[in-house]
Protein backbone atom coordinates (compact mmCIF):
# COMPACT_ATOMS: atom_id res chain seq x y z
CA UNK A 1 148.04 16.80 -178.72
CA UNK A 2 149.40 14.75 -181.82
CA UNK A 3 147.53 11.34 -181.98
CA UNK A 4 149.80 8.60 -181.29
CA UNK A 5 148.23 4.77 -180.59
CA UNK A 6 149.55 3.16 -178.08
CA UNK A 7 147.55 0.07 -177.83
CA UNK A 8 149.62 -2.26 -175.18
CA UNK A 9 152.44 -0.91 -173.24
CA UNK A 10 152.80 -4.34 -171.63
CA UNK A 11 156.16 -6.25 -172.94
CA UNK A 12 155.58 -3.50 -176.29
CA UNK A 13 153.51 -5.94 -177.77
CA UNK A 14 151.54 -3.25 -180.08
CA UNK A 15 148.72 -5.05 -182.63
CA UNK A 16 150.30 -5.02 -186.06
CA UNK A 17 149.24 -6.86 -189.31
CA UNK A 18 151.36 -9.90 -189.63
CA UNK A 19 153.60 -11.74 -192.65
CA UNK A 20 150.09 -12.70 -194.19
CA UNK A 21 149.04 -9.35 -195.35
CA UNK A 22 148.29 -9.16 -198.92
CA UNK A 23 148.29 -5.95 -200.58
CA UNK A 24 146.29 -4.57 -204.15
CA UNK A 25 144.25 -7.48 -204.08
CA UNK A 26 140.72 -7.56 -205.35
CA UNK A 27 137.84 -9.37 -203.80
CA UNK A 28 134.04 -9.99 -204.92
CA UNK A 29 131.84 -7.67 -202.86
CA UNK A 30 129.70 -10.65 -202.66
CA UNK A 31 132.22 -12.58 -200.55
CA UNK A 32 132.56 -9.86 -197.80
CA UNK A 33 131.14 -10.46 -194.37
CA UNK A 34 130.23 -7.89 -192.17
CA UNK A 35 131.38 -8.71 -188.56
CA UNK A 36 128.63 -7.36 -186.06
CA UNK A 37 131.06 -6.42 -183.28
CA UNK A 38 133.04 -4.14 -185.66
CA UNK A 39 129.90 -2.64 -187.37
CA UNK A 40 128.41 -1.14 -184.10
CA UNK A 41 131.63 0.90 -183.22
CA UNK A 42 132.45 2.78 -185.92
CA UNK A 43 129.63 5.16 -187.42
CA UNK A 44 129.06 6.16 -190.87
CA UNK A 45 128.28 9.47 -192.18
CA UNK A 46 125.85 9.72 -194.79
CA UNK A 47 126.86 12.57 -196.46
CA UNK A 48 130.13 11.51 -196.67
CA UNK A 49 129.08 8.14 -198.08
CA UNK A 50 126.99 9.75 -200.55
CA UNK A 51 129.96 11.80 -201.64
CA UNK A 52 132.13 8.81 -202.13
CA UNK A 53 129.58 6.80 -203.87
CA UNK A 54 129.05 9.43 -206.45
CA UNK A 55 132.53 9.56 -206.77
CA UNK A 56 133.04 5.94 -207.36
CA UNK A 57 130.35 6.10 -210.26
CA UNK A 58 132.10 8.24 -212.24
CA UNK A 59 135.45 7.51 -211.33
CA UNK A 60 135.42 3.93 -210.04
CA UNK A 61 137.01 2.99 -206.47
CA UNK A 62 140.09 4.33 -205.75
CA UNK A 63 142.82 1.66 -205.16
CA UNK A 64 144.98 3.99 -202.82
CA UNK A 65 142.29 3.25 -200.38
CA UNK A 66 141.21 -0.40 -200.39
CA UNK A 67 139.14 -1.99 -197.36
CA UNK A 68 140.83 -4.29 -194.45
CA UNK A 69 139.63 -7.88 -194.36
CA UNK A 70 140.59 -10.28 -191.34
CA UNK A 71 140.30 -13.80 -192.89
CA UNK A 72 139.62 -16.20 -189.97
CA UNK A 73 138.11 -19.66 -189.82
CA UNK A 74 136.93 -19.39 -193.47
CA UNK A 75 135.50 -16.23 -193.10
CA UNK A 76 136.26 -13.03 -195.03
CA UNK A 77 135.37 -10.37 -192.17
CA UNK A 78 134.80 -6.76 -193.02
CA UNK A 79 136.87 -5.07 -190.23
CA UNK A 80 137.87 -1.25 -191.76
CA UNK A 81 136.38 0.48 -194.66
CA UNK A 82 132.63 0.17 -193.99
CA UNK A 83 131.92 3.48 -195.64
CA UNK A 84 133.77 2.95 -198.53
CA UNK A 85 132.45 -0.85 -198.98
CA UNK A 86 128.75 0.35 -198.54
CA UNK A 87 129.58 3.41 -201.30
CA UNK A 88 130.87 0.68 -203.64
CA UNK A 89 127.17 -1.31 -203.21
CA UNK A 90 125.57 2.32 -203.79
CA UNK A 91 128.20 2.69 -207.03
CA UNK A 92 127.10 -1.06 -207.89
CA UNK A 93 130.54 -2.31 -208.42
CA UNK A 94 131.21 -5.76 -208.13
CA UNK A 95 135.01 -6.06 -206.76
CA UNK A 96 136.96 -3.69 -204.63
CA UNK A 97 140.70 -3.69 -203.62
CA UNK A 98 141.49 -4.88 -200.26
CA UNK A 99 144.08 -5.71 -197.46
CA UNK A 100 143.90 -9.27 -196.18
CA UNK A 101 145.14 -9.77 -192.78
CA UNK A 102 145.48 -12.99 -190.26
CA UNK A 103 144.76 -12.41 -186.95
CA UNK A 104 144.48 -14.91 -184.36
CA UNK A 105 142.40 -13.58 -182.00
CA UNK A 106 139.47 -10.72 -181.93
CA UNK A 107 141.38 -8.40 -179.71
CA UNK A 108 144.18 -8.83 -182.20
CA UNK A 109 142.35 -7.49 -185.07
CA UNK A 110 140.37 -4.84 -182.87
CA UNK A 111 143.37 -2.84 -181.64
CA UNK A 112 144.94 -2.48 -185.31
CA UNK A 113 141.68 -1.69 -186.36
CA UNK A 114 141.22 0.89 -183.56
CA UNK A 115 144.59 2.31 -184.44
CA UNK A 116 143.64 3.10 -187.86
CA UNK A 117 140.24 4.66 -187.10
CA UNK A 118 142.43 6.60 -184.12
CA UNK A 119 145.38 7.92 -186.24
CA UNK A 120 143.13 8.74 -189.27
CA UNK A 121 140.22 10.34 -187.55
CA UNK A 122 138.31 11.97 -184.25
CA UNK A 123 136.22 9.31 -183.09
CA UNK A 124 132.57 10.78 -182.93
CA UNK A 125 130.96 10.28 -179.59
CA UNK A 126 128.75 7.46 -179.96
CA UNK A 127 131.94 5.94 -181.27
CA UNK A 128 134.13 6.89 -177.96
CA UNK A 129 131.40 5.18 -175.95
CA UNK A 130 131.05 2.33 -177.56
CA UNK A 131 135.25 1.73 -178.12
CA UNK A 132 135.79 2.74 -174.47
CA UNK A 133 133.18 0.09 -173.16
CA UNK A 134 134.78 -2.32 -175.36
CA UNK A 135 138.36 -1.49 -174.27
CA UNK A 136 137.06 -1.67 -170.54
CA UNK A 137 135.97 -5.23 -171.04
CA UNK A 138 139.48 -6.25 -172.78
CA UNK A 139 141.90 -8.66 -171.17
CA UNK A 140 144.96 -6.50 -172.47
CA UNK A 141 143.31 -3.25 -171.02
CA UNK A 142 142.75 -4.77 -167.47
CA UNK A 143 146.41 -6.63 -167.60
CA UNK A 144 148.21 -3.22 -168.13
CA UNK A 145 149.90 -1.53 -164.94
CA UNK A 146 148.25 1.45 -163.85
CA UNK A 147 144.78 3.20 -163.63
CA UNK A 148 142.24 1.66 -166.50
CA UNK A 149 140.87 5.28 -167.43
CA UNK A 150 144.46 6.55 -167.77
CA UNK A 151 145.15 3.43 -170.16
CA UNK A 152 142.22 4.08 -172.01
CA UNK A 153 143.30 7.72 -172.30
CA UNK A 154 147.03 6.95 -173.65
CA UNK A 155 145.33 4.04 -176.03
CA UNK A 156 142.85 6.25 -177.69
CA UNK A 157 145.18 9.69 -177.32
CA UNK A 158 142.74 11.73 -175.67
CA UNK A 159 142.03 13.40 -172.19
CA UNK A 160 141.97 11.53 -169.02
CA UNK A 161 138.63 13.80 -168.08
CA UNK A 162 137.02 12.47 -171.35
CA UNK A 163 137.83 9.12 -170.94
CA UNK A 164 136.47 9.52 -167.06
CA UNK A 165 133.53 11.06 -168.40
CA UNK A 166 132.85 8.47 -171.05
CA UNK A 167 133.14 5.47 -168.79
CA UNK A 168 130.71 7.16 -166.37
CA UNK A 169 128.28 7.74 -168.68
CA UNK A 170 128.68 4.10 -170.36
CA UNK A 171 127.46 2.91 -167.37
CA UNK A 172 123.82 5.44 -167.13
CA UNK A 173 121.68 3.94 -169.47
CA UNK A 174 119.71 7.51 -170.20
CA UNK A 175 123.11 8.98 -170.61
CA UNK A 176 124.55 6.34 -172.99
CA UNK A 177 120.96 6.69 -175.02
CA UNK A 178 121.88 10.65 -175.26
CA UNK A 179 125.11 10.07 -176.57
CA UNK A 180 123.71 7.75 -179.27
CA UNK A 181 121.43 10.47 -180.16
CA UNK A 182 124.01 13.07 -181.05
CA UNK A 183 124.79 14.60 -177.73
CA UNK A 184 128.73 14.87 -176.64
CA UNK A 185 129.69 12.95 -173.70
CA UNK A 186 130.75 16.16 -171.45
CA UNK A 187 127.20 17.24 -172.03
CA UNK A 188 125.28 13.90 -171.15
CA UNK A 189 128.01 14.04 -168.32
CA UNK A 190 126.89 16.84 -166.94
CA UNK A 191 123.32 16.51 -167.12
CA UNK A 192 123.92 12.94 -165.51
CA UNK A 193 125.82 14.35 -162.70
CA UNK A 194 123.00 17.25 -162.42
CA UNK A 195 120.11 14.70 -161.85
CA UNK A 196 121.91 12.73 -159.87
CA UNK A 197 122.84 15.73 -157.78
CA UNK A 198 118.91 16.83 -157.79
CA UNK A 199 117.73 12.87 -157.02
CA UNK A 200 119.93 13.05 -153.99
CA UNK A 201 118.65 16.03 -152.65
CA UNK A 202 115.13 15.06 -153.08
CA UNK A 203 115.72 11.93 -151.34
CA UNK A 204 117.51 13.71 -148.01
CA UNK A 205 114.67 13.87 -145.42
CA UNK A 206 113.39 17.08 -144.27
CA UNK A 207 113.91 18.45 -140.97
CA UNK A 208 110.07 18.36 -139.26
CA UNK A 209 109.95 21.61 -137.50
CA UNK A 210 106.68 21.94 -135.49
CA UNK A 211 105.06 25.38 -135.44
CA UNK A 212 104.31 26.19 -131.90
CA UNK A 213 103.06 29.55 -132.57
CA UNK A 214 99.77 28.58 -133.71
CA UNK A 215 96.81 28.62 -131.65
CA UNK A 216 95.54 25.61 -129.52
CA UNK A 217 92.37 25.72 -131.56
CA UNK A 218 94.11 24.40 -134.59
CA UNK A 219 95.19 21.22 -132.60
CA UNK A 220 98.85 22.59 -131.78
CA UNK A 221 99.91 22.97 -128.49
CA UNK A 222 100.63 26.03 -126.77
CA UNK A 223 103.76 27.16 -126.60
CA UNK A 224 106.67 27.07 -124.18
CA UNK A 225 107.49 29.98 -122.17
CA UNK A 226 110.91 30.67 -120.29
CA UNK A 227 110.93 32.00 -117.13
CA UNK A 228 114.02 34.20 -116.16
CA UNK A 229 113.10 35.67 -112.66
CA UNK A 230 115.72 34.22 -110.98
CA UNK A 231 117.85 34.31 -113.87
CA UNK A 232 117.62 30.52 -114.69
CA UNK A 233 115.98 29.17 -117.98
CA UNK A 234 112.76 26.75 -116.59
CA UNK A 235 110.34 25.93 -119.06
CA UNK A 236 106.59 26.70 -118.45
CA UNK A 237 104.28 23.92 -120.20
CA UNK A 238 101.16 25.06 -121.34
CA UNK A 239 98.35 22.43 -122.53
CA UNK A 240 99.60 20.13 -125.01
CA UNK A 241 102.83 18.93 -123.20
CA UNK A 242 100.78 16.32 -120.90
CA UNK A 243 103.54 14.14 -121.26
CA UNK A 244 105.50 14.28 -118.43
CA UNK A 245 108.56 12.43 -120.06
CA UNK A 246 108.58 14.87 -122.39
CA UNK A 247 108.71 17.33 -119.82
CA UNK A 248 111.75 16.12 -117.59
CA UNK A 249 113.49 15.50 -121.17
CA UNK A 250 113.32 19.40 -122.01
CA UNK A 251 113.85 20.88 -118.74
CA UNK A 252 117.34 18.35 -118.73
CA UNK A 253 118.30 19.97 -121.84
CA UNK A 254 118.14 23.49 -120.43
CA UNK A 255 119.94 22.31 -117.55
CA UNK A 256 122.78 20.84 -119.94
CA UNK A 257 123.05 24.24 -122.00
CA UNK A 258 122.97 26.51 -118.99
CA UNK A 259 126.00 24.01 -117.38
CA UNK A 260 127.97 24.25 -120.28
CA UNK A 261 127.52 27.90 -120.61
CA UNK A 262 128.40 28.22 -116.79
CA UNK A 263 131.67 25.81 -117.43
CA UNK A 264 132.72 27.86 -120.42
CA UNK A 265 132.45 31.04 -118.61
CA UNK A 266 134.48 29.93 -115.46
CA UNK A 267 137.36 28.17 -117.60
CA UNK A 268 137.45 31.29 -119.56
CA UNK A 269 137.79 33.61 -116.48
CA UNK A 270 140.13 31.44 -115.14
CA UNK A 271 142.41 31.21 -118.17
CA UNK A 272 142.46 34.96 -118.60
CA UNK A 273 143.29 35.66 -115.17
CA UNK A 274 146.21 33.42 -114.73
CA UNK A 275 147.98 34.56 -118.03
CA UNK A 276 147.44 38.48 -117.14
CA UNK A 277 148.80 37.54 -113.47
CA UNK A 278 151.80 35.51 -114.88
CA UNK A 279 152.69 38.41 -117.50
CA UNK A 280 152.73 40.87 -114.71
CA UNK A 281 155.11 38.64 -113.00
CA UNK A 282 157.48 38.80 -115.90
CA UNK A 283 156.55 35.65 -118.00
CA UNK A 284 157.10 35.83 -121.28
CA UNK A 285 154.55 34.30 -123.75
CA UNK A 286 156.85 31.24 -124.40
CA UNK A 287 156.96 30.72 -120.74
CA UNK A 288 153.51 30.66 -120.39
CA UNK A 289 153.11 28.56 -123.72
CA UNK A 290 155.40 25.81 -122.21
CA UNK A 291 153.73 25.53 -118.62
CA UNK A 292 153.16 22.32 -118.05
CA UNK A 293 149.81 23.13 -116.79
CA UNK A 294 148.98 23.44 -120.37
CA UNK A 295 149.34 20.50 -121.96
CA UNK A 296 146.32 21.14 -123.95
CA UNK A 297 143.68 22.80 -123.76
CA UNK A 298 140.77 20.06 -122.76
CA UNK A 299 137.92 20.85 -120.65
CA UNK A 300 139.39 18.76 -118.15
CA UNK A 301 142.85 20.61 -117.87
CA UNK A 302 141.03 24.35 -118.01
CA UNK A 303 138.64 22.72 -115.65
CA UNK A 304 141.01 21.48 -113.00
CA UNK A 305 143.28 24.60 -113.28
CA UNK A 306 143.72 26.68 -110.11
CA UNK A 307 145.03 30.33 -109.61
CA UNK A 308 148.07 30.31 -107.36
CA UNK A 309 147.19 32.65 -104.44
CA UNK A 310 147.35 36.44 -105.08
CA UNK A 311 146.97 36.03 -108.74
CA UNK A 312 143.18 36.87 -108.88
CA UNK A 313 144.03 40.08 -106.56
CA UNK A 314 146.62 41.24 -108.72
CA UNK A 315 144.58 41.23 -111.88
CA UNK A 316 141.64 42.75 -109.69
CA UNK A 317 144.12 45.28 -109.10
CA UNK A 318 144.53 46.57 -112.67
CA UNK A 319 141.03 47.87 -112.56
CA UNK A 320 142.08 50.38 -110.45
């Protein structure tokens, strides 16, 4: 995916350097101020810094790569070119070339600087996180139509999934710290979600199953036995079930379950008998399906179904 920074889709107002841009001008390094916001948004590669500093010691500052200065309210803020600036310090240079910009607000300047960074290179994980956080809090992103994550993804020229992960990680202190230490956003996000899942599982209450197979001597009640002598389930309570309310509740539950099974069996028999008899009487599947007696298959409809006279006898004859 080719990088293309679309800083502001609203009204087509992308941040650009204005007519006050001055080219190929030199500035004393001692006059340059370091803006704290820009300092923390982009990382300096120490190996690259050392190579550039050594090159500057031998060949001087490459005038085709000036730093960018934001002249604002009497300040000369360094906003882009921190590596080159620090290399010049290490090389003990006195002056360096710069572009001078005059933006009215920090956000305007930031959008321009971000466009330089994104179009020039890939953002490091920590840089991505910091800039996503900065964009999340900016008015111009909040005012764009559509979803915030999708707008930021378009601005940074990267996938929506990556940006969504970065947004989630930025809200988690531990995950953010891991990215600051060099971990990728994707890995930090994966670990964060795994931890959340484990914590959720641990927080779920465990079902408390009492072991009724233990002996009375260990403090457990004797087991419940079920009497099937007449074909119906009735509990017989051993020692430990002294509460009459508990006994009644258990008995009631068994009765309800038995009634439910009996009702289901009866309903299934009625339906089966009715359908077979209808077929024997020449009805098609479509006729049966459209029968008004089957407006639905709710328990109330099934339980109120009455077999026409002779239907049950017709079906019983099939056994012969």
